[in-house]
Amino acid sequence: MFKTIPDIVELYHLTVSGNITFGRNISLKGTVIIIADNESVINIPDGAILDDNILYGNLPIIEH
């Protein structure tokens, strides 16, 4: 689920599978693969920039 449409101008490939939530103002670049296996949840926070990333499993991403 996307809160807003992400910036995908520099995105070449996107694979999304499972229970994944995207925050606001997300930027996706290069090749991005996100897989939440089984009952797992992946939450991408507001303002995240994913550039050539592979995310797999149960992964809460938090800002510091």
Protein backbone atom coordinates (compact mmCIF):
# COMPACT_ATOMS: atom_id res chain seq x y z
CA MET A 1 0.00 0.00 0.00
CA PHE A 2 1.30 3.45 -0.94
CA LYS A 3 0.31 6.57 1.06
CA THR A 4 1.41 8.69 -1.94
CA ILE A 5 2.82 7.81 -5.35
CA PRO A 6 6.59 7.27 -5.00
CA ASP A 7 9.21 9.02 -7.14
CA ILE A 8 10.17 6.38 -9.74
CA VAL A 9 11.94 8.53 -12.36
CA GLU A 10 15.24 6.64 -11.86
CA LEU A 11 13.66 3.21 -11.19
CA TYR A 12 14.62 0.38 -13.59
CA HIS A 13 12.96 -2.62 -11.94
CA LEU A 14 10.58 -3.10 -9.00
CA THR A 15 9.45 -6.38 -7.44
CA VAL A 16 7.06 -6.23 -4.47
CA SER A 17 5.58 -9.31 -2.78
CA GLY A 18 3.73 -9.67 0.52
CA ASN A 19 2.49 -7.28 3.20
CA ILE A 20 4.42 -4.08 2.51
CA THR A 21 3.47 -0.51 3.43
CA PHE A 22 5.13 2.53 1.88
CA GLY A 23 5.18 5.91 3.65
CA ARG A 24 4.93 9.31 2.01
CA ASN A 25 7.56 10.86 -0.28
CA ILE A 26 9.37 7.59 -1.06
CA SER A 27 12.02 7.51 -3.80
CA LEU A 28 12.77 4.26 -5.64
CA LYS A 29 15.89 4.09 -7.84
CA GLY A 30 17.71 1.40 -9.80
CA THR A 31 16.55 -2.13 -8.99
CA VAL A 32 14.42 -2.51 -5.86
CA ILE A 33 13.16 -5.91 -4.65
CA ILE A 34 10.99 -6.09 -1.52
CA ILE A 35 9.65 -9.44 -0.28
CA ALA A 36 7.75 -9.90 2.99
CA ASP A 37 7.64 -13.66 3.50
CA ASN A 38 4.75 -15.57 5.13
CA GLU A 39 3.16 -13.46 7.90
CA SER A 40 5.95 -10.86 7.83
CA VAL A 41 5.42 -7.12 7.42
CA ILE A 42 7.79 -4.57 5.90
CA ASN A 43 7.11 -0.88 6.60
CA ILE A 44 9.01 1.66 4.52
CA PRO A 45 9.05 5.01 6.43
CA ASP A 46 8.19 8.46 5.09
CA GLY A 47 10.99 10.00 3.04
CA ALA A 48 12.91 6.74 2.48
CA ILE A 49 15.21 6.45 -0.53
CA LEU A 50 15.67 2.90 -1.80
CA ASP A 51 18.49 2.73 -4.36
CA ASP A 52 19.44 -0.75 -5.63
CA ASN A 53 18.07 -2.49 -2.51
CA ILE A 54 16.84 -5.98 -1.69
CA LEU A 55 14.63 -6.19 1.43
CA TYR A 56 13.47 -9.62 2.59
CA GLY A 57 11.68 -11.00 5.65
CA ASN A 58 10.20 -9.12 8.58
CA LEU A 59 11.83 -5.73 8.44
CA PRO A 60 10.60 -2.62 10.22
CA ILE A 61 12.70 0.29 8.93
CA ILE A 62 12.95 3.19 11.38
CA GLU A 63 14.49 6.63 11.11
CA HIS A 64 17.18 7.68 13.61
